[in-house]
């Protein structure tokens, strides 16, 4: 009977670890939604005013650092992949929001190292708590659909230049993803959806061009 009691003790300890991790993730989700609400303002602001919403989002990411530090403390050393299913989705969404903020600030693609610095997660050791490459790529794949929506809203606001910039950005991102030999089913499906974003934003630019409202600009160095 003592053996079964040991099994129960192990199971109880495991459940306690998982519940502790879930509790921290639950505190991350509201902060993530706050950042999302701040960045959603970009759809209603002219280009020279989007700094207002990105500054607000940056404050939210500062708070995220402490939350991710708490999460890292709850994960036993060397057991990252045993528990990472509990925070994968929220991390992918956080990467997407960070990527959106970065694009709005300077039109660039956020790098994995930048994500790590933003969240205070500095380790690249798979045995330690880190930002998984697949979660980073999944987050990036969510960006084009939001930018396509932004391109449409820019036209509504009378801004005919940003859709051209957005179209070039999405096309370049899509071309970069095509260099990867993606075999993971979920990431591959996410990547496959990018071609629809490319098509949709190109249609926006085409409609502007045939009306003489915008001209495509030559590619600029990244």
N, C-alpha and C. Protein backbone atom coordinates (compact mmCIF):
# COMPACT_ATOMS: atom_id res chain seq x y z
N UNK A 1 0.82 -1.21 0.00
CA UNK A 1 0.00 0.00 0.00
C UNK A 1 0.86 1.26 0.00
N UNK A 2 2.05 1.17 0.61
CA UNK A 2 2.92 2.34 0.66
C UNK A 2 3.34 2.78 -0.74
N UNK A 3 3.46 1.77 -1.66
CA UNK A 3 3.83 2.10 -3.03
C UNK A 3 2.76 2.96 -3.69
N UNK A 4 1.49 2.61 -3.45
CA UNK A 4 0.40 3.38 -4.04
C UNK A 4 0.31 4.77 -3.43
N UNK A 5 0.64 4.87 -2.16
CA UNK A 5 0.67 6.18 -1.52
C UNK A 5 1.75 7.05 -2.15
N UNK A 6 2.89 6.42 -2.50
CA UNK A 6 3.97 7.15 -3.16
C UNK A 6 3.51 7.65 -4.53
N UNK A 7 2.80 6.79 -5.26
CA UNK A 7 2.26 7.20 -6.56
C UNK A 7 1.33 8.40 -6.41
N UNK A 8 0.49 8.35 -5.38
CA UNK A 8 -0.45 9.45 -5.15
C UNK A 8 0.29 10.74 -4.80
N UNK A 9 1.33 10.61 -4.00
CA UNK A 9 2.11 11.80 -3.62
C UNK A 9 2.78 12.43 -4.84
N UNK A 10 3.31 11.58 -5.72
CA UNK A 10 3.94 12.08 -6.95
C UNK A 10 2.91 12.78 -7.83
N UNK A 11 1.74 12.16 -7.96
CA UNK A 11 0.68 12.74 -8.79
C UNK A 11 0.21 14.07 -8.21
N UNK A 12 0.08 14.14 -6.89
CA UNK A 12 -0.34 15.39 -6.25
C UNK A 12 0.69 16.50 -6.46
N UNK A 13 1.97 16.14 -6.33
CA UNK A 13 3.03 17.13 -6.52
C UNK A 13 3.05 17.63 -7.96
N UNK A 14 2.83 16.72 -8.90
CA UNK A 14 2.80 17.10 -10.31
C UNK A 14 1.64 18.04 -10.59
N UNK A 15 0.49 17.74 -10.01
CA UNK A 15 -0.68 18.58 -10.22
C UNK A 15 -0.47 19.97 -9.61
N UNK A 16 0.19 20.03 -8.48
CA UNK A 16 0.47 21.32 -7.85
C UNK A 16 1.36 22.18 -8.74
N UNK A 17 2.35 21.56 -9.37
CA UNK A 17 3.23 22.29 -10.28
C UNK A 17 2.43 22.87 -11.45
N UNK A 18 1.58 22.03 -12.02
CA UNK A 18 0.80 22.48 -13.18
C UNK A 18 -0.18 23.59 -12.80
N UNK A 19 -0.79 23.47 -11.65
CA UNK A 19 -1.73 24.50 -11.21
C UNK A 19 -1.01 25.82 -10.94
N UNK A 20 0.19 25.74 -10.39
CA UNK A 20 0.97 26.95 -10.12
C UNK A 20 1.32 27.65 -11.43
N UNK A 21 1.68 26.87 -12.45
CA UNK A 21 2.00 27.43 -13.76
C UNK A 21 0.75 28.05 -14.38
N UNK A 22 -0.36 27.35 -14.30
CA UNK A 22 -1.61 27.87 -14.88
C UNK A 22 -2.04 29.17 -14.21
N UNK A 23 -1.80 29.27 -12.91
CA UNK A 23 -2.17 30.50 -12.19
C UNK A 23 -1.39 31.70 -12.72
N UNK A 24 -0.10 31.50 -13.01
CA UNK A 24 0.70 32.61 -13.55
C UNK A 24 0.23 32.96 -14.96
N UNK A 25 -0.05 31.94 -15.77
CA UNK A 25 -0.52 32.18 -17.13
C UNK A 25 -1.82 32.99 -17.11
N UNK A 26 -2.67 32.71 -16.13
CA UNK A 26 -3.93 33.46 -16.02
C UNK A 26 -3.68 34.93 -15.72
N UNK A 27 -2.57 35.26 -15.08
CA UNK A 27 -2.25 36.67 -14.83
C UNK A 27 -1.64 37.33 -16.06
N UNK A 28 -1.03 36.53 -16.93
CA UNK A 28 -0.45 37.06 -18.17
C UNK A 28 -1.54 37.43 -19.17
N UNK A 29 -2.57 36.62 -19.24
CA UNK A 29 -3.61 36.82 -20.26
C UNK A 29 -4.29 38.19 -20.18
N UNK A 30 -4.69 38.69 -18.99
CA UNK A 30 -5.30 40.03 -18.95
C UNK A 30 -4.34 41.13 -19.40
N UNK A 31 -3.07 41.01 -19.04
CA UNK A 31 -2.08 42.01 -19.47
C UNK A 31 -1.91 41.96 -20.98
N UNK A 32 -1.94 40.77 -21.53
CA UNK A 32 -1.85 40.61 -22.98
C UNK A 32 -3.03 41.30 -23.67
N UNK A 33 -4.21 41.16 -23.09
CA UNK A 33 -5.40 41.80 -23.68
C UNK A 33 -5.31 43.32 -23.58
N UNK A 34 -4.71 43.82 -22.50
CA UNK A 34 -4.51 45.27 -22.37
C UNK A 34 -3.61 45.79 -23.49
N UNK A 35 -2.54 45.07 -23.75
CA UNK A 35 -1.62 45.46 -24.83
C UNK A 35 -2.35 45.42 -26.17
N UNK A 36 -3.15 44.39 -26.36
CA UNK A 36 -3.89 44.26 -27.62
C UNK A 36 -4.86 45.43 -27.80
N UNK A 37 -5.55 45.81 -26.73
CA UNK A 37 -6.48 46.94 -26.82
C UNK A 37 -5.74 48.23 -27.17
N UNK A 38 -4.56 48.39 -26.60
CA UNK A 38 -3.77 49.60 -26.89
C UNK A 38 -3.37 49.63 -28.37
N UNK A 39 -2.92 48.51 -28.89
CA UNK A 39 -2.46 48.47 -30.27
C UNK A 39 -3.60 48.54 -31.28
N UNK A 40 -4.79 48.13 -30.87
CA UNK A 40 -5.92 48.20 -31.78
C UNK A 40 -6.28 49.64 -32.15
N UNK A 41 -5.80 50.59 -31.36
CA UNK A 41 -6.05 52.00 -31.68
C UNK A 41 -5.40 52.40 -33.00
N UNK A 42 -4.41 51.63 -33.44
CA UNK A 42 -3.70 51.99 -34.67
C UNK A 42 -4.63 52.02 -35.87
N UNK A 43 -5.75 51.31 -35.79
CA UNK A 43 -6.69 51.27 -36.90
C UNK A 43 -7.49 52.56 -37.04
N UNK A 44 -7.38 53.43 -36.06
CA UNK A 44 -8.16 54.67 -36.08
C UNK A 44 -7.28 55.91 -35.98
N UNK A 45 -5.95 55.71 -36.08
CA UNK A 45 -5.02 56.83 -35.93
C UNK A 45 -4.21 57.04 -37.20
N UNK A 46 -3.91 58.29 -37.54
CA UNK A 46 -3.00 58.54 -38.67
C UNK A 46 -1.59 58.07 -38.32
N UNK A 47 -0.76 57.93 -39.34
CA UNK A 47 0.58 57.36 -39.14
C UNK A 47 1.40 58.12 -38.11
N UNK A 48 1.25 59.44 -38.07
CA UNK A 48 2.07 60.23 -37.15
C UNK A 48 1.55 60.21 -35.71
N UNK A 49 0.48 59.47 -35.47
CA UNK A 49 -0.09 59.40 -34.12
C UNK A 49 -0.02 58.00 -33.51
N UNK A 50 0.45 57.02 -34.29
CA UNK A 50 0.44 55.64 -33.77
C UNK A 50 1.41 55.45 -32.61
N UNK A 51 2.35 56.39 -32.46
CA UNK A 51 3.27 56.30 -31.33
C UNK A 51 2.56 56.34 -30.00
N UNK A 52 1.36 56.91 -29.98
CA UNK A 52 0.58 56.97 -28.74
C UNK A 52 0.22 55.56 -28.28
N UNK A 53 -0.26 54.74 -29.22
CA UNK A 53 -0.68 53.39 -28.84
C UNK A 53 0.51 52.47 -28.61
N UNK A 54 1.61 52.65 -29.35
CA UNK A 54 2.77 51.79 -29.13
C UNK A 54 3.46 52.12 -27.80
N UNK A 55 3.41 53.39 -27.40
CA UNK A 55 3.99 53.76 -26.11
C UNK A 55 3.20 53.12 -24.97
N UNK A 56 1.88 53.09 -25.13
CA UNK A 56 1.03 52.45 -24.12
C UNK A 56 1.29 50.94 -24.09
N UNK A 57 1.46 50.35 -25.26
CA UNK A 57 1.75 48.92 -25.33
C UNK A 57 3.10 48.60 -24.70
N UNK A 58 4.08 49.47 -24.91
CA UNK A 58 5.42 49.25 -24.34
C UNK A 58 5.36 49.18 -22.82
N UNK A 59 4.50 49.99 -22.22
CA UNK A 59 4.34 49.94 -20.77
C UNK A 59 3.79 48.58 -20.34
N UNK A 60 2.88 48.05 -21.15
CA UNK A 60 2.33 46.73 -20.85
C UNK A 60 3.39 45.65 -20.92
N UNK A 61 4.29 45.76 -21.89
CA UNK A 61 5.36 44.76 -22.00
C UNK A 61 6.33 44.85 -20.83
N UNK A 62 6.51 46.04 -20.28
CA UNK A 62 7.35 46.17 -19.09
C UNK A 62 6.76 45.35 -17.94
N UNK A 63 5.43 45.40 -17.80
CA UNK A 63 4.77 44.60 -16.77
C UNK A 63 4.88 43.11 -17.08
N UNK A 64 4.92 42.78 -18.36
CA UNK A 64 5.03 41.38 -18.77
C UNK A 64 6.33 40.74 -18.28
N UNK A 65 7.39 41.54 -18.18
CA UNK A 65 8.68 41.00 -17.75
C UNK A 65 8.56 40.32 -16.39
N UNK A 66 7.91 40.99 -15.46
CA UNK A 66 7.76 40.44 -14.12
C UNK A 66 6.92 39.16 -14.14
N UNK A 67 5.90 39.14 -14.99
CA UNK A 67 5.03 37.97 -15.06
C UNK A 67 5.76 36.77 -15.66
N UNK A 68 6.57 37.02 -16.69
CA UNK A 68 7.34 35.92 -17.28
C UNK A 68 8.43 35.44 -16.34
N UNK A 69 8.95 36.34 -15.51
CA UNK A 69 9.92 35.93 -14.50
C UNK A 69 9.26 34.98 -13.49
N UNK A 70 8.02 35.31 -13.11
CA UNK A 70 7.28 34.42 -12.21
C UNK A 70 7.02 33.07 -12.85
N UNK A 71 6.69 33.10 -14.14
CA UNK A 71 6.43 31.85 -14.85
C UNK A 71 7.69 30.99 -14.91
N UNK A 72 8.81 31.61 -15.21
CA UNK A 72 10.07 30.87 -15.30
C UNK A 72 10.42 30.21 -13.96
N UNK A 73 10.08 30.88 -12.86
CA UNK A 73 10.37 30.33 -11.54
C UNK A 73 9.55 29.08 -11.24
N UNK A 74 8.37 28.98 -11.85
CA UNK A 74 7.49 27.85 -11.59
C UNK A 74 7.85 26.60 -12.39
N UNK A 75 8.67 26.78 -13.42
CA UNK A 75 9.02 25.64 -14.28
C UNK A 75 10.28 24.97 -13.74
N UNK A 76 10.21 23.70 -13.37
CA UNK A 76 11.38 23.00 -12.84
C UNK A 76 12.52 22.98 -13.86
N UNK A 77 13.76 23.12 -13.42
CA UNK A 77 14.91 23.11 -14.34
C UNK A 77 14.92 21.85 -15.22
N UNK A 78 15.16 22.07 -16.50
CA UNK A 78 15.25 20.94 -17.43
C UNK A 78 13.93 20.35 -17.86
N UNK A 79 12.80 20.94 -17.43
CA UNK A 79 11.49 20.36 -17.76
C UNK A 79 10.62 21.33 -18.55
N UNK A 80 11.25 22.20 -19.32
CA UNK A 80 10.52 23.20 -20.11
C UNK A 80 9.45 22.55 -20.99
N UNK A 81 9.86 21.53 -21.76
CA UNK A 81 8.93 20.94 -22.73
C UNK A 81 7.91 20.01 -22.08
N UNK A 82 8.07 19.75 -20.81
CA UNK A 82 7.06 18.96 -20.11
C UNK A 82 5.82 19.79 -19.79
N UNK A 83 6.04 21.11 -19.65
CA UNK A 83 4.94 21.98 -19.21
C UNK A 83 4.59 23.08 -20.21
N UNK A 84 5.35 23.21 -21.29
CA UNK A 84 5.19 24.40 -22.13
C UNK A 84 3.85 24.49 -22.84
N UNK A 85 3.08 23.41 -22.88
CA UNK A 85 1.76 23.51 -23.51
C UNK A 85 0.84 24.48 -22.76
N UNK A 86 1.18 24.77 -21.51
CA UNK A 86 0.33 25.65 -20.71
C UNK A 86 0.51 27.13 -21.08
N UNK A 87 1.64 27.49 -21.66
CA UNK A 87 1.87 28.90 -22.00
C UNK A 87 2.17 29.12 -23.48
N UNK A 88 2.09 28.09 -24.30
CA UNK A 88 2.45 28.25 -25.71
C UNK A 88 1.55 29.26 -26.41
N UNK A 89 0.24 29.12 -26.23
CA UNK A 89 -0.68 30.01 -26.94
C UNK A 89 -0.48 31.46 -26.50
N UNK A 90 -0.36 31.69 -25.21
CA UNK A 90 -0.23 33.06 -24.73
C UNK A 90 1.10 33.66 -25.19
N UNK A 91 2.14 32.84 -25.29
CA UNK A 91 3.42 33.33 -25.78
C UNK A 91 3.35 33.66 -27.27
N UNK A 92 2.68 32.82 -28.04
CA UNK A 92 2.52 33.10 -29.47
C UNK A 92 1.75 34.40 -29.69
N UNK A 93 0.72 34.63 -28.89
CA UNK A 93 -0.03 35.88 -29.00
C UNK A 93 0.82 37.07 -28.58
N UNK A 94 1.64 36.87 -27.56
CA UNK A 94 2.51 37.95 -27.10
C UNK A 94 3.54 38.30 -28.17
N UNK A 95 4.08 37.29 -28.84
CA UNK A 95 5.02 37.53 -29.94
C UNK A 95 4.33 38.32 -31.05
N UNK A 96 3.11 37.93 -31.38
CA UNK A 96 2.36 38.65 -32.42
C UNK A 96 2.18 40.12 -32.05
N UNK A 97 1.82 40.39 -30.81
CA UNK A 97 1.61 41.77 -30.38
C UNK A 97 2.92 42.56 -30.39
N UNK A 98 4.00 41.91 -29.98
CA UNK A 98 5.31 42.58 -30.02
C UNK A 98 5.72 42.86 -31.46
N UNK A 99 5.40 41.93 -32.36
CA UNK A 99 5.72 42.13 -33.77
C UNK A 99 4.91 43.29 -34.35
N UNK A 100 3.64 43.39 -33.95
CA UNK A 100 2.80 44.49 -34.42
C UNK A 100 3.33 45.82 -33.90
N UNK A 101 3.69 45.86 -32.63
CA UNK A 101 4.22 47.09 -32.05
C UNK A 101 5.50 47.52 -32.76
N UNK A 102 6.36 46.57 -33.06
CA UNK A 102 7.62 46.88 -33.73
C UNK A 102 7.38 47.41 -35.14
N UNK A 103 6.46 46.78 -35.86
CA UNK A 103 6.15 47.27 -37.21
C UNK A 103 5.61 48.69 -37.16
N UNK A 104 4.71 48.95 -36.23
CA UNK A 104 4.13 50.29 -36.13
C UNK A 104 5.19 51.33 -35.76
N UNK A 105 6.19 50.91 -35.00
CA UNK A 105 7.24 51.85 -34.58
C UNK A 105 8.20 52.18 -35.71
N UNK A 106 8.69 51.14 -36.40
CA UNK A 106 9.74 51.42 -37.39
C UNK A 106 9.64 50.59 -38.67
N UNK A 107 8.57 49.81 -38.81
CA UNK A 107 8.37 49.06 -40.05
C UNK A 107 9.26 47.84 -40.21
N UNK A 108 9.88 47.38 -39.13
CA UNK A 108 10.80 46.24 -39.23
C UNK A 108 10.17 44.97 -38.66
N UNK A 109 10.85 43.85 -38.89
CA UNK A 109 10.44 42.56 -38.33
C UNK A 109 11.14 42.36 -37.00
N UNK A 110 10.39 42.09 -35.97
CA UNK A 110 11.01 41.87 -34.67
C UNK A 110 11.78 40.55 -34.68
N UNK A 111 12.96 40.55 -34.10
CA UNK A 111 13.80 39.36 -34.05
C UNK A 111 13.55 38.58 -32.76
N UNK A 112 13.91 37.31 -32.78
CA UNK A 112 13.71 36.47 -31.60
C UNK A 112 14.43 37.05 -30.39
N UNK A 113 15.64 37.55 -30.59
CA UNK A 113 16.40 38.13 -29.49
C UNK A 113 15.68 39.34 -28.91
N UNK A 114 15.01 40.11 -29.78
CA UNK A 114 14.26 41.28 -29.31
C UNK A 114 13.08 40.85 -28.44
N UNK A 115 12.43 39.76 -28.83
CA UNK A 115 11.32 39.22 -28.03
C UNK A 115 11.83 38.81 -26.66
N UNK A 116 12.95 38.13 -26.64
CA UNK A 116 13.51 37.67 -25.37
C UNK A 116 13.85 38.85 -24.47
N UNK A 117 14.44 39.88 -25.05
CA UNK A 117 14.78 41.07 -24.26
C UNK A 117 13.53 41.77 -23.76
N UNK A 118 12.51 41.82 -24.61
CA UNK A 118 11.27 42.50 -24.25
C UNK A 118 10.60 41.83 -23.06
N UNK A 119 10.71 40.50 -22.99
CA UNK A 119 10.05 39.74 -21.93
C UNK A 119 11.01 39.36 -20.80
N UNK A 120 12.27 39.77 -20.93
CA UNK A 120 13.23 39.44 -19.89
C UNK A 120 13.61 37.98 -19.85
N UNK A 121 13.43 37.29 -20.97
CA UNK A 121 13.77 35.86 -21.06
C UNK A 121 15.05 35.77 -21.88
N UNK A 122 16.17 35.56 -21.24
CA UNK A 122 17.46 35.71 -21.92
C UNK A 122 18.14 34.40 -22.29
N UNK A 123 17.66 33.28 -21.79
CA UNK A 123 18.34 32.01 -22.05
C UNK A 123 17.99 31.46 -23.42
N UNK A 124 18.99 30.89 -24.09
CA UNK A 124 18.78 30.18 -25.35
C UNK A 124 18.94 28.67 -25.17
N UNK A 125 19.18 28.26 -23.94
CA UNK A 125 19.37 26.84 -23.64
C UNK A 125 18.02 26.14 -23.61
N UNK A 126 17.80 25.13 -24.47
CA UNK A 126 16.51 24.42 -24.47
C UNK A 126 16.14 23.82 -23.13
N UNK A 127 17.12 23.60 -22.28
CA UNK A 127 16.82 23.03 -20.96
C UNK A 127 16.26 24.08 -20.01
N UNK A 128 16.52 25.36 -20.30
CA UNK A 128 16.04 26.44 -19.45
C UNK A 128 14.76 27.04 -20.02
N UNK A 129 14.15 27.92 -19.25
CA UNK A 129 12.97 28.63 -19.74
C UNK A 129 13.42 29.60 -20.84
N UNK A 130 12.77 29.52 -22.00
CA UNK A 130 13.17 30.34 -23.14
C UNK A 130 11.96 30.59 -24.03
N UNK A 131 12.14 31.40 -25.05
CA UNK A 131 11.10 31.60 -26.06
C UNK A 131 11.38 30.63 -27.19
N UNK A 132 10.49 29.68 -27.37
CA UNK A 132 10.69 28.64 -28.38
C UNK A 132 10.61 29.23 -29.79
N UNK A 133 11.48 28.76 -30.67
CA UNK A 133 11.53 29.27 -32.05
C UNK A 133 10.18 29.08 -32.74
N UNK A 134 9.56 27.93 -32.52
CA UNK A 134 8.27 27.68 -33.17
C UNK A 134 7.20 28.66 -32.69
N UNK A 135 7.21 28.99 -31.41
CA UNK A 135 6.25 29.96 -30.89
C UNK A 135 6.51 31.35 -31.50
N UNK A 136 7.78 31.67 -31.68
CA UNK A 136 8.15 32.93 -32.33
C UNK A 136 7.61 32.98 -33.76
N UNK A 137 7.80 31.90 -34.51
CA UNK A 137 7.34 31.87 -35.90
C UNK A 137 5.82 31.88 -35.99
N UNK A 138 5.17 31.18 -35.08
CA UNK A 138 3.70 31.18 -35.07
C UNK A 138 3.17 32.59 -34.80
N UNK A 139 3.83 33.30 -33.89
CA UNK A 139 3.42 34.67 -33.60
C UNK A 139 3.59 35.58 -34.80
N UNK A 140 4.72 35.43 -35.51
CA UNK A 140 4.95 36.23 -36.71
C UNK A 140 3.89 35.96 -37.78
N UNK A 141 3.48 34.71 -37.88
CA UNK A 141 2.49 34.35 -38.90
C UNK A 141 1.13 35.01 -38.65
N UNK A 142 0.88 35.44 -37.43
CA UNK A 142 -0.39 36.10 -37.12
C UNK A 142 -0.39 37.57 -37.51
N UNK A 143 0.79 38.12 -37.76
CA UNK A 143 0.90 39.56 -38.04
C UNK A 143 0.29 39.99 -39.37
N UNK A 144 0.53 39.29 -40.49
CA UNK A 144 0.03 39.78 -41.78
C UNK A 144 -1.47 40.01 -41.86
N UNK A 145 -2.27 39.17 -41.22
CA UNK A 145 -3.72 39.37 -41.30
C UNK A 145 -4.13 40.68 -40.64
N UNK A 146 -3.47 41.02 -39.53
CA UNK A 146 -3.77 42.28 -38.86
C UNK A 146 -3.30 43.47 -39.69
N UNK A 147 -2.17 43.32 -40.35
CA UNK A 147 -1.67 44.41 -41.19
C UNK A 147 -2.53 44.59 -42.44
N UNK A 148 -3.08 43.50 -42.95
CA UNK A 148 -4.00 43.61 -44.08
C UNK A 148 -5.23 44.42 -43.69
N UNK A 149 -5.72 44.15 -42.50
CA UNK A 149 -6.85 44.94 -41.98
C UNK A 149 -6.45 46.40 -41.83
N UNK A 150 -5.23 46.64 -41.34
CA UNK A 150 -4.75 48.01 -41.17
C UNK A 150 -4.66 48.72 -42.52
N UNK A 151 -4.20 48.01 -43.55
CA UNK A 151 -4.09 48.61 -44.88
C UNK A 151 -5.45 49.10 -45.36
N UNK A 152 -6.47 48.29 -45.15
CA UNK A 152 -7.82 48.67 -45.56
C UNK A 152 -8.30 49.89 -44.79
N UNK A 153 -8.04 49.92 -43.49
CA UNK A 153 -8.46 51.06 -42.68
C UNK A 153 -7.68 52.32 -43.01
N UNK A 154 -6.43 52.16 -43.45
CA UNK A 154 -5.65 53.32 -43.87
C UNK A 154 -6.31 54.00 -45.07
N UNK A 155 -6.80 53.19 -45.99
CA UNK A 155 -7.48 53.75 -47.16
C UNK A 155 -8.71 54.53 -46.73
N UNK A 156 -9.45 53.98 -45.77
CA UNK A 156 -10.63 54.66 -45.26
C UNK A 156 -10.28 56.02 -44.66
N UNK A 157 -9.09 56.10 -44.03
CA UNK A 157 -8.65 57.36 -43.42
C UNK A 157 -7.98 58.30 -44.42
N UNK A 158 -7.89 57.86 -45.68
CA UNK A 158 -7.27 58.70 -46.70
C UNK A 158 -5.76 58.59 -46.76
N UNK A 159 -5.20 57.58 -46.11
CA UNK A 159 -3.75 57.35 -46.13
C UNK A 159 -3.47 56.31 -47.21
N UNK A 160 -2.92 56.75 -48.33
CA UNK A 160 -2.71 55.84 -49.46
C UNK A 160 -1.26 55.36 -49.57
N UNK A 161 -0.41 55.78 -48.66
CA UNK A 161 0.99 55.36 -48.70
C UNK A 161 1.26 54.12 -47.84
N UNK A 162 0.66 54.09 -46.66
CA UNK A 162 0.93 52.95 -45.77
C UNK A 162 0.52 51.61 -46.37
N UNK A 163 -0.59 51.51 -47.12
CA UNK A 163 -0.91 50.21 -47.72
C UNK A 163 0.20 49.67 -48.62
N UNK A 164 0.90 50.57 -49.32
CA UNK A 164 2.01 50.14 -50.17
C UNK A 164 3.14 49.59 -49.31
N UNK A 165 3.45 50.29 -48.23
CA UNK A 165 4.49 49.83 -47.30
C UNK A 165 4.11 48.49 -46.68
N UNK A 166 2.86 48.37 -46.28
CA UNK A 166 2.39 47.12 -45.67
C UNK A 166 2.46 45.98 -46.66
N UNK A 167 2.07 46.23 -47.91
CA UNK A 167 2.11 45.19 -48.93
C UNK A 167 3.53 44.68 -49.14
N UNK A 168 4.47 45.59 -49.22
CA UNK A 168 5.87 45.19 -49.40
C UNK A 168 6.37 44.40 -48.20
N UNK A 169 5.99 44.83 -47.00
CA UNK A 169 6.42 44.14 -45.78
C UNK A 169 5.89 42.71 -45.75
N UNK A 170 4.60 42.54 -46.02
CA UNK A 170 4.00 41.20 -45.98
C UNK A 170 4.61 40.30 -47.05
N UNK A 171 4.84 40.84 -48.23
CA UNK A 171 5.45 40.05 -49.31
C UNK A 171 6.85 39.59 -48.92
N UNK A 172 7.62 40.49 -48.33
CA UNK A 172 8.98 40.13 -47.90
C UNK A 172 8.95 39.08 -46.80
N UNK A 173 8.00 39.22 -45.87
CA UNK A 173 7.88 38.24 -44.79
C UNK A 173 7.49 36.88 -45.36
N UNK A 174 6.56 36.88 -46.29
CA UNK A 174 6.13 35.63 -46.93
C UNK A 174 7.29 34.97 -47.66
N UNK A 175 8.07 35.75 -48.38
CA UNK A 175 9.22 35.20 -49.09
C UNK A 175 10.24 34.62 -48.12
N UNK A 176 10.41 35.27 -46.97
CA UNK A 176 11.35 34.76 -45.97
C UNK A 176 10.89 33.42 -45.41
N UNK A 177 9.59 33.30 -45.16
CA UNK A 177 9.05 32.03 -44.65
C UNK A 177 9.21 30.91 -45.67
N UNK A 178 9.15 31.26 -46.95
CA UNK A 178 9.27 30.23 -47.99
C UNK A 178 10.66 29.60 -48.01
N UNK A 179 11.63 30.26 -47.41
CA UNK A 179 12.98 29.70 -47.34
C UNK A 179 13.08 28.57 -46.31
N UNK A 180 12.09 28.49 -45.43
CA UNK A 180 12.10 27.48 -44.38
C UNK A 180 11.49 26.18 -44.88
N UNK A 181 12.07 25.08 -44.46
CA UNK A 181 11.52 23.76 -44.78
C UNK A 181 10.59 23.35 -43.64
N UNK A 182 9.36 23.84 -43.70
CA UNK A 182 8.43 23.65 -42.59
C UNK A 182 7.77 22.27 -42.68
N UNK A 183 7.89 21.51 -41.60
CA UNK A 183 7.29 20.19 -41.56
C UNK A 183 6.24 20.07 -40.46
N UNK A 184 6.30 20.99 -39.50
CA UNK A 184 5.31 20.96 -38.42
C UNK A 184 3.93 21.29 -38.98
N UNK A 185 2.94 20.48 -38.66
CA UNK A 185 1.61 20.62 -39.26
C UNK A 185 0.97 21.97 -38.95
N UNK A 186 0.95 22.36 -37.67
CA UNK A 186 0.27 23.60 -37.29
C UNK A 186 0.98 24.82 -37.85
N UNK A 187 2.31 24.83 -37.80
CA UNK A 187 3.06 25.96 -38.34
C UNK A 187 2.94 26.00 -39.86
N UNK A 188 2.95 24.86 -40.49
CA UNK A 188 2.82 24.80 -41.94
C UNK A 188 1.46 25.35 -42.37
N UNK A 189 0.40 24.97 -41.67
CA UNK A 189 -0.93 25.48 -41.99
C UNK A 189 -1.01 26.98 -41.79
N UNK A 190 -0.38 27.45 -40.72
CA UNK A 190 -0.37 28.89 -40.45
C UNK A 190 0.36 29.63 -41.56
N UNK A 191 1.49 29.08 -41.99
CA UNK A 191 2.24 29.69 -43.08
C UNK A 191 1.44 29.69 -44.38
N UNK A 192 0.76 28.59 -44.66
CA UNK A 192 -0.01 28.50 -45.90
C UNK A 192 -1.08 29.58 -46.00
N UNK A 193 -1.57 30.03 -44.85
CA UNK A 193 -2.62 31.07 -44.86
C UNK A 193 -2.06 32.44 -45.23
N UNK A 194 -0.73 32.60 -45.17
CA UNK A 194 -0.14 33.90 -45.48
C UNK A 194 -0.38 34.32 -46.92
N UNK A 195 -0.48 33.35 -47.82
CA UNK A 195 -0.66 33.72 -49.23
C UNK A 195 -1.97 34.46 -49.45
N UNK A 196 -2.95 34.21 -48.60
CA UNK A 196 -4.22 34.94 -48.73
C UNK A 196 -4.06 36.38 -48.26
N UNK A 197 -3.23 36.58 -47.23
CA UNK A 197 -2.95 37.94 -46.78
C UNK A 197 -2.19 38.71 -47.85
N UNK A 198 -1.23 38.04 -48.49
CA UNK A 198 -0.48 38.68 -49.58
C UNK A 198 -1.44 39.10 -50.69
N UNK A 199 -2.32 38.20 -51.06
CA UNK A 199 -3.27 38.48 -52.14
C UNK A 199 -4.20 39.62 -51.76
N UNK A 200 -4.71 39.61 -50.54
CA UNK A 200 -5.67 40.63 -50.12
C UNK A 200 -5.06 42.03 -50.07
N UNK A 201 -3.84 42.12 -49.54
CA UNK A 201 -3.22 43.45 -49.44
C UNK A 201 -2.77 43.93 -50.82
N UNK A 202 -2.37 43.01 -51.69
CA UNK A 202 -2.03 43.40 -53.06
C UNK A 202 -3.26 43.93 -53.79
N UNK A 203 -4.41 43.39 -53.47
CA UNK A 203 -5.65 43.87 -54.08
C UNK A 203 -5.94 45.30 -53.65
N UNK A 204 -5.67 45.59 -52.37
CA UNK A 204 -5.86 46.96 -51.87
C UNK A 204 -4.95 47.93 -52.63
N UNK A 205 -3.69 47.55 -52.78
CA UNK A 205 -2.73 48.41 -53.48
C UNK A 205 -3.10 48.54 -54.95
N UNK A 206 -3.55 47.46 -55.55
CA UNK A 206 -3.96 47.50 -56.96
C UNK A 206 -5.13 48.47 -57.16
N UNK A 207 -6.11 48.39 -56.27
CA UNK A 207 -7.26 49.29 -56.38
C UNK A 207 -6.83 50.75 -56.26
N UNK A 208 -5.86 51.01 -55.38
CA UNK A 208 -5.36 52.38 -55.25
C UNK A 208 -4.60 52.81 -56.50
N UNK A 209 -3.83 51.89 -57.05
CA UNK A 209 -2.99 52.22 -58.20
C UNK A 209 -3.82 52.55 -59.44
N UNK A 210 -4.85 51.75 -59.69
CA UNK A 210 -5.64 51.99 -60.91
C UNK A 210 -6.46 53.27 -60.79
N UNK A 211 -6.60 53.76 -59.57
CA UNK A 211 -7.30 55.04 -59.36
C UNK A 211 -6.32 56.20 -59.27
N UNK A 212 -5.04 55.89 -59.41
CA UNK A 212 -4.03 56.93 -59.36
C UNK A 212 -3.82 57.52 -57.98
N UNK A 213 -4.19 56.77 -56.95
CA UNK A 213 -4.08 57.29 -55.58
C UNK A 213 -2.76 56.93 -54.91
N UNK A 214 -2.08 55.94 -55.45
CA UNK A 214 -0.81 55.54 -54.84
C UNK A 214 0.07 54.91 -55.90
N UNK A 215 1.35 55.08 -55.74
CA UNK A 215 2.32 54.46 -56.63
C UNK A 215 3.24 53.58 -55.81
N UNK A 216 3.53 52.42 -56.35
CA UNK A 216 4.44 51.51 -55.65
C UNK A 216 5.81 52.13 -55.54
N UNK A 217 6.41 52.00 -54.36
CA UNK A 217 7.75 52.53 -54.14
C UNK A 217 8.76 51.40 -54.29
N UNK A 218 9.99 51.72 -54.70
CA UNK A 218 11.01 50.67 -54.78
C UNK A 218 11.32 50.14 -53.40
N UNK A 219 11.74 48.88 -53.36
CA UNK A 219 12.09 48.28 -52.07
C UNK A 219 13.20 49.06 -51.41
N UNK A 220 13.08 49.22 -50.11
CA UNK A 220 14.09 49.90 -49.33
C UNK A 220 14.85 48.86 -48.53
N UNK A 221 16.13 49.10 -48.26
CA UNK A 221 16.89 48.12 -47.48
C UNK A 221 16.29 47.97 -46.10
N UNK A 222 16.29 46.72 -45.61
CA UNK A 222 15.73 46.45 -44.29
C UNK A 222 16.70 46.88 -43.21
